[in-house]
Amino acid sequence: MSEMRSDAWPRHCRAALVRAVRAAAAQFPGPGEEAPKRVHEVRKTLKEARAIARLFLDCVGEPARVTITTLAATRRQIGRARDLDVMAIRVQRLEPPPEVSEPLMAAIAREREAAQRARRGLSATAPRPRLNAIVRRVEGWDLSAIGTGEIVAAVARTYRQARKRGRLAFDGDDPVALHATRARVVDLRYQLSLLSGAWPEAMDAQAEALNDLREALGDFNDLHVLGTFAAEYGELAPQALEDLGSRVTAKQTKLKRRANVEFERLFAEKPNAFATRIGAYLANPVKEPRDTHDEPLAAKTAPAA
């Protein structure tokens, strides 16, 4: 076997970033294309791109930071549509009485129409050139001084941040803190999936478990968003709002308990030990990285919100 290039893993990661951003540009919905599945897919691909771009935050610096900021701004352009679609599903699953569900579903329908009216003036030709410009800039990044060590350090940093955020969040009662934990869990899941060719048996299993944790935390946050929406826009009678709040709280309590158990299992490893393990995998890979242009990771893994 020929000796692996020192920048093989960085090049592998950059190629994945390029194809994720390209995919997002192609998926971005224009007026009349705001079907829930279309919106979900592009948000998912943009999150994948964000996670990969974060691998270059320290070693590339400001260009990577600008890339992450632009991806986040683009994702926010369609965030409201996704939230409203999910809220409608959450209401159905909670099975509240008609005095709760009927005014709430009517409010969701009103806000969805308002969001669609706002989006009619937003052509896909606006975000697509922005995303394609990111591709061109990323392809020009100089990776000559970046090696496996920088990629390992970046993944370890994501792990450390997720671990720290999670411990604070699960000890408290702030739903925003749990949502911040989820963001890093999503990043880590995509990063490990990207690098999993180094040691598939271990890294794929960890990525899949992180996806399960992501789902529980996502369900918790969706219920928080629903409760806030109901209080602000639902036009519910006080008793109906209290009924909904009780149902939301009961479901969130179960989700948080389940997520906490999974979190403790997934983040029991000390950050330094995690970094050493990932470094060993990447230094001695089962499958060497390649600078490929296949489909984005999001198309090959379980759905992520």
Protein backbone atom coordinates (compact mmCIF):
# COMPACT_ATOMS: atom_id res chain seq x y z
CA MET A 1 0.00 0.00 0.00
CA SER A 2 1.34 3.45 -0.91
CA GLU A 3 1.90 5.93 1.87
CA MET A 4 -1.15 8.02 2.63
CA ARG A 5 -0.85 11.73 1.84
CA SER A 6 -0.58 13.93 4.93
CA ASP A 7 -3.50 16.05 3.71
CA ALA A 8 -5.67 13.10 2.65
CA TRP A 9 -8.25 13.51 5.40
CA PRO A 10 -8.52 17.32 5.00
CA ARG A 11 -8.99 16.86 1.24
CA HIS A 12 -11.60 14.18 1.87
CA CYS A 13 -13.47 16.54 4.21
CA ARG A 14 -13.26 19.47 1.80
CA ALA A 15 -14.64 17.34 -1.03
CA ALA A 16 -17.57 16.37 1.19
CA LEU A 17 -18.20 20.03 2.05
CA VAL A 18 -18.19 20.97 -1.63
CA ARG A 19 -20.70 18.31 -2.61
CA ALA A 20 -22.98 19.10 0.36
CA VAL A 21 -23.12 22.79 -0.56
CA ARG A 22 -23.67 21.94 -4.21
CA ALA A 23 -26.51 19.63 -3.24
CA ALA A 24 -28.08 22.33 -1.06
CA ALA A 25 -27.96 24.78 -3.97
CA ALA A 26 -29.75 22.28 -6.20
CA GLN A 27 -32.33 21.43 -3.51
CA PHE A 28 -33.14 25.00 -2.44
CA PRO A 29 -36.87 25.50 -3.07
CA GLY A 30 -38.11 28.34 -5.21
CA PRO A 31 -41.62 29.85 -5.10
CA GLY A 32 -44.22 27.11 -5.30
CA GLU A 33 -41.71 24.41 -4.32
CA GLU A 34 -42.09 24.63 -0.54
CA ALA A 35 -43.25 21.03 -0.04
CA PRO A 36 -42.35 19.82 3.47
CA LYS A 37 -40.03 17.10 2.15
CA ARG A 38 -38.18 19.59 -0.09
CA VAL A 39 -37.74 22.04 2.79
CA HIS A 40 -36.61 19.30 5.16
CA GLU A 41 -34.05 17.92 2.72
CA VAL A 42 -32.34 21.25 2.06
CA ARG A 43 -32.22 22.09 5.78
CA LYS A 44 -30.69 18.70 6.45
CA THR A 45 -28.04 19.17 3.76
CA LEU A 46 -27.19 22.66 5.03
CA LYS A 47 -26.69 21.25 8.53
CA GLU A 48 -24.39 18.61 7.12
CA ALA A 49 -22.39 21.32 5.37
CA ARG A 50 -22.19 23.34 8.59
CA ALA A 51 -20.87 20.34 10.51
CA ILE A 52 -18.17 19.69 7.93
CA ALA A 53 -17.19 23.36 7.67
CA ARG A 54 -16.65 23.41 11.43
CA LEU A 55 -13.80 20.93 10.93
CA PHE A 56 -11.88 23.79 9.28
CA LEU A 57 -12.75 26.52 11.76
CA ASP A 58 -9.39 26.60 13.52
CA CYS A 59 -7.06 25.57 10.72
CA VAL A 60 -8.56 27.66 7.89
CA GLY A 61 -9.89 30.43 10.10
CA GLU A 62 -11.97 33.34 8.82
CA PRO A 63 -12.95 31.78 5.45
CA ALA A 64 -14.43 28.81 7.32
CA ARG A 65 -16.19 31.12 9.78
CA VAL A 66 -17.73 33.13 6.93
CA THR A 67 -18.83 29.89 5.28
CA ILE A 68 -20.58 28.70 8.45
CA THR A 69 -22.30 32.07 8.91
CA THR A 70 -23.55 32.10 5.31
CA LEU A 71 -24.85 28.53 5.56
CA ALA A 72 -26.72 29.41 8.76
CA ALA A 73 -28.28 32.52 7.19
CA THR A 74 -29.40 30.50 4.17
CA ARG A 75 -30.96 27.83 6.39
CA ARG A 76 -32.91 30.44 8.34
CA GLN A 77 -34.60 31.59 5.15
CA ILE A 78 -36.76 28.48 5.17
CA GLY A 79 -36.74 27.68 8.88
CA ARG A 80 -40.23 29.01 9.60
CA ALA A 81 -41.84 26.71 7.04
CA ARG A 82 -40.27 23.65 8.61
CA ASP A 83 -41.27 24.67 12.15
CA LEU A 84 -44.91 25.09 11.14
CA ASP A 85 -45.01 21.72 9.37
CA VAL A 86 -43.58 20.01 12.45
CA MET A 87 -45.93 21.84 14.82
CA ALA A 88 -48.96 20.46 12.97
CA ILE A 89 -47.58 16.92 13.36
CA ARG A 90 -46.88 17.46 17.07
CA VAL A 91 -50.45 18.64 17.70
CA GLN A 92 -51.82 15.50 16.07
CA ARG A 93 -49.54 13.24 18.11
CA LEU A 94 -50.48 14.90 21.41
CA GLU A 95 -54.16 14.15 20.66
CA PRO A 96 -55.55 17.15 22.56
CA PRO A 97 -59.32 17.80 22.76
CA PRO A 98 -60.98 19.88 20.00
CA GLU A 99 -60.96 23.07 22.05
CA VAL A 100 -57.15 22.84 21.92
CA SER A 101 -56.48 21.31 18.50
CA GLU A 102 -58.94 23.28 16.38
CA PRO A 103 -57.82 26.85 17.18
CA LEU A 104 -54.20 25.75 17.23
CA MET A 105 -54.35 24.10 13.81
CA ALA A 106 -56.14 27.17 12.46
CA ALA A 107 -53.35 29.39 13.80
CA ILE A 108 -50.71 27.14 12.22
CA ALA A 109 -52.54 27.34 8.87
CA ARG A 110 -52.66 31.15 9.08
CA GLU A 111 -48.96 31.41 9.85
CA ARG A 112 -48.08 28.93 7.11
CA GLU A 113 -49.95 31.06 4.56
CA ALA A 114 -48.17 34.17 5.83
CA ALA A 115 -44.81 32.40 5.53
CA GLN A 116 -45.63 31.30 1.98
CA ARG A 117 -46.63 34.85 1.01
CA ALA A 118 -43.33 36.12 2.38
CA ARG A 119 -41.43 33.47 0.43
CA ARG A 120 -43.12 34.27 -2.88
CA GLY A 121 -40.78 37.20 -3.21
CA LEU A 122 -37.74 35.03 -2.52
CA SER A 123 -36.51 33.35 -5.65
CA ALA A 124 -34.24 30.34 -5.48
CA THR A 125 -31.96 32.37 -7.75
CA ALA A 126 -30.92 34.37 -4.66
CA PRO A 127 -29.59 31.58 -2.40
CA ARG A 128 -28.24 29.41 -5.21
CA PRO A 129 -25.55 31.81 -6.45
CA ARG A 130 -24.59 32.43 -2.82
CA LEU A 131 -24.14 28.70 -2.23
CA ASN A 132 -22.31 28.20 -5.52
CA ALA A 133 -19.96 31.04 -4.56
CA ILE A 134 -19.19 29.15 -1.33
CA VAL A 135 -18.25 26.11 -3.43
CA ARG A 136 -15.78 28.13 -5.46
CA ARG A 137 -14.19 29.65 -2.36
CA VAL A 138 -13.93 26.31 -0.54
CA GLU A 139 -12.30 24.67 -3.57
CA GLY A 140 -9.62 27.36 -3.36
CA TRP A 141 -8.73 26.77 0.29
CA ASP A 142 -5.03 26.04 0.78
CA LEU A 143 -4.79 22.74 2.66
CA SER A 144 -1.04 22.25 2.23
CA ALA A 145 -0.29 22.95 5.89
CA ILE A 146 -3.28 21.00 7.24
CA GLY A 147 -3.01 17.34 8.16
CA THR A 148 -4.80 14.58 10.01
CA GLY A 149 -3.98 16.15 13.38
CA GLU A 150 -6.04 19.25 12.61
CA ILE A 151 -9.07 17.16 11.64
CA VAL A 152 -8.77 15.04 14.79
CA ALA A 153 -8.50 18.19 16.93
CA ALA A 154 -11.62 19.62 15.29
CA VAL A 155 -13.73 16.50 15.90
CA ALA A 156 -12.46 16.32 19.48
CA ARG A 157 -13.45 19.97 19.97
CA THR A 158 -17.00 19.17 18.79
CA TYR A 159 -17.13 16.24 21.19
CA ARG A 160 -15.84 18.38 24.08
CA GLN A 161 -18.37 21.14 23.38
CA ALA A 162 -21.28 18.72 23.13
CA ARG A 163 -20.24 17.04 26.37
CA LYS A 164 -19.90 20.33 28.25
CA ARG A 165 -23.15 21.76 26.93
CA GLY A 166 -25.04 18.56 27.64
CA ARG A 167 -23.90 18.27 31.22
CA LEU A 168 -25.03 21.82 31.93
CA ALA A 169 -28.31 21.41 30.04
CA PHE A 170 -29.39 18.15 31.66
CA ASP A 171 -28.66 19.57 35.10
CA GLY A 172 -30.94 22.55 34.43
CA ASP A 173 -34.37 23.37 33.04
CA ASP A 174 -33.49 25.60 30.11
CA PRO A 175 -34.83 24.24 26.79
CA VAL A 176 -32.51 26.60 24.91
CA ALA A 177 -29.50 24.89 26.51
CA LEU A 178 -30.77 21.49 25.39
CA HIS A 179 -31.24 22.85 21.87
CA ALA A 180 -27.64 24.14 21.89
CA THR A 181 -26.49 20.68 22.95
CA ARG A 182 -28.43 19.18 20.07
CA ALA A 183 -26.63 21.43 17.58
CA ARG A 184 -23.26 19.99 18.61
CA VAL A 185 -24.64 16.44 18.71
CA VAL A 186 -25.78 16.90 15.10
CA ASP A 187 -22.35 18.27 14.14
CA LEU A 188 -20.56 15.35 15.79
CA ARG A 189 -22.86 12.83 14.17
CA TYR A 190 -22.13 14.20 10.68
CA GLN A 191 -18.40 14.49 11.35
CA LEU A 192 -18.09 10.90 12.53
CA SER A 193 -20.16 9.68 9.57
CA LEU A 194 -17.82 11.52 7.23
CA LEU A 195 -14.73 9.95 8.80
CA SER A 196 -16.25 6.53 9.44
CA GLY A 197 -14.33 4.87 6.62
CA ALA A 198 -11.33 4.95 8.96
CA TRP A 199 -12.96 2.44 11.30
CA PRO A 200 -16.55 1.76 10.16
CA GLU A 201 -17.60 -0.70 12.83
CA ALA A 202 -16.94 1.70 15.71
CA MET A 203 -17.59 5.07 14.10
CA ASP A 204 -20.79 4.19 12.26
CA ALA A 205 -22.24 2.72 15.46
CA GLN A 206 -21.39 5.88 17.39
CA ALA A 207 -22.86 8.10 14.64
CA GLU A 208 -26.10 6.08 14.64
CA ALA A 209 -26.38 6.36 18.42
CA LEU A 210 -25.81 10.12 18.19
CA ASN A 211 -28.64 10.27 15.68
CA ASP A 212 -30.96 8.61 18.20
CA LEU A 213 -29.96 11.23 20.77
CA ARG A 214 -30.48 13.95 18.17
CA GLU A 215 -34.02 12.70 17.55
CA ALA A 216 -34.97 12.78 21.23
CA LEU A 217 -33.55 16.28 21.69
CA GLY A 218 -35.25 17.40 18.48
CA ASP A 219 -38.62 16.11 19.66
CA PHE A 220 -38.11 17.96 22.96
CA ASN A 221 -37.34 21.22 21.13
CA ASP A 222 -40.26 20.83 18.72
CA LEU A 223 -42.60 20.62 21.73
CA HIS A 224 -41.00 23.73 23.24
CA VAL A 225 -41.54 25.59 19.95
CA LEU A 226 -45.16 24.40 19.85
CA GLY A 227 -45.82 25.59 23.41
CA THR A 228 -44.35 29.00 22.68
CA PHE A 229 -46.33 29.31 19.45
CA ALA A 230 -49.57 28.33 21.18
CA ALA A 231 -49.09 30.99 23.86
CA GLU A 232 -48.31 33.72 21.32
CA TYR A 233 -50.50 32.87 18.31
CA GLY A 234 -52.86 30.04 19.25
CA GLU A 235 -55.72 32.16 20.60
CA LEU A 236 -56.50 29.41 23.09
CA ALA A 237 -58.74 29.84 26.10
CA PRO A 238 -56.81 29.75 29.40
CA GLN A 239 -58.02 26.24 30.24
CA ALA A 240 -57.17 24.96 26.77
CA LEU A 241 -53.67 26.48 26.99
CA GLU A 242 -53.19 24.84 30.38
CA ASP A 243 -54.30 21.47 28.97
CA LEU A 244 -51.82 21.75 26.13
CA GLY A 245 -49.06 22.79 28.53
CA SER A 246 -49.66 19.72 30.68
CA ARG A 247 -49.48 17.40 27.68
CA VAL A 248 -46.32 19.07 26.41
CA THR A 249 -44.61 18.94 29.81
CA ALA A 250 -45.43 15.26 30.34
CA LYS A 251 -44.01 14.34 26.95
CA GLN A 252 -40.92 16.50 27.41
CA THR A 253 -40.19 14.93 30.80
CA LYS A 254 -40.06 11.47 29.22
CA LEU A 255 -37.95 12.67 26.29
CA LYS A 256 -35.44 14.44 28.52
CA ARG A 257 -35.06 11.38 30.75
CA ARG A 258 -34.46 9.14 27.75
CA ALA A 259 -32.04 11.60 26.16
CA ASN A 260 -30.09 11.98 29.41
CA VAL A 261 -29.51 8.23 29.66
CA GLU A 262 -28.29 8.13 26.06
CA PHE A 263 -26.14 11.23 26.53
CA GLU A 264 -24.36 9.80 29.57
CA ARG A 265 -23.56 6.62 27.64
CA LEU A 266 -22.31 8.41 24.53
CA PHE A 267 -20.23 11.01 26.37
CA ALA A 268 -18.77 8.89 29.18
CA GLU A 269 -15.41 8.88 27.44
CA LYS A 270 -12.97 11.60 28.51
CA PRO A 271 -12.35 14.14 25.71
CA ASN A 272 -8.62 13.36 25.60
CA ALA A 273 -9.34 9.63 25.32
CA PHE A 274 -11.85 10.35 22.55
CA ALA A 275 -9.25 12.38 20.65
CA THR A 276 -6.63 9.64 21.03
CA ARG A 277 -9.04 7.00 19.76
CA ILE A 278 -10.17 9.01 16.74
CA GLY A 279 -6.56 9.92 15.99
CA ALA A 280 -5.59 6.24 15.98
CA TYR A 281 -8.47 5.40 13.62
CA LEU A 282 -7.53 8.12 11.13
CA ALA A 283 -3.81 7.34 11.28
CA ASN A 284 -4.44 3.64 10.58
CA PRO A 285 -7.65 3.57 8.51
CA VAL A 286 -9.43 0.46 7.38
CA LYS A 287 -10.25 2.42 4.23
CA GLU A 288 -8.09 5.33 3.11
CA PRO A 289 -9.90 8.60 2.39
CA ARG A 290 -10.46 9.66 -1.19
CA ASP A 291 -11.13 13.05 -2.72
CA THR A 292 -14.50 12.04 -4.19
CA HIS A 293 -17.61 13.81 -5.43
CA ASP A 294 -20.35 11.37 -4.51
CA GLU A 295 -23.78 12.26 -3.16
CA PRO A 296 -23.93 14.19 0.14
CA LEU A 297 -23.82 12.26 3.40
CA ALA A 298 -27.36 13.35 4.24
CA ALA A 299 -28.63 11.25 1.35
CA LYS A 300 -26.92 8.15 2.71
CA THR A 301 -27.77 8.38 6.41
CA ALA A 302 -30.87 8.38 8.55
CA PRO A 303 -33.00 11.56 8.43
CA ALA A 304 -31.77 14.41 10.57
CA ALA A 305 -33.60 17.56 11.40
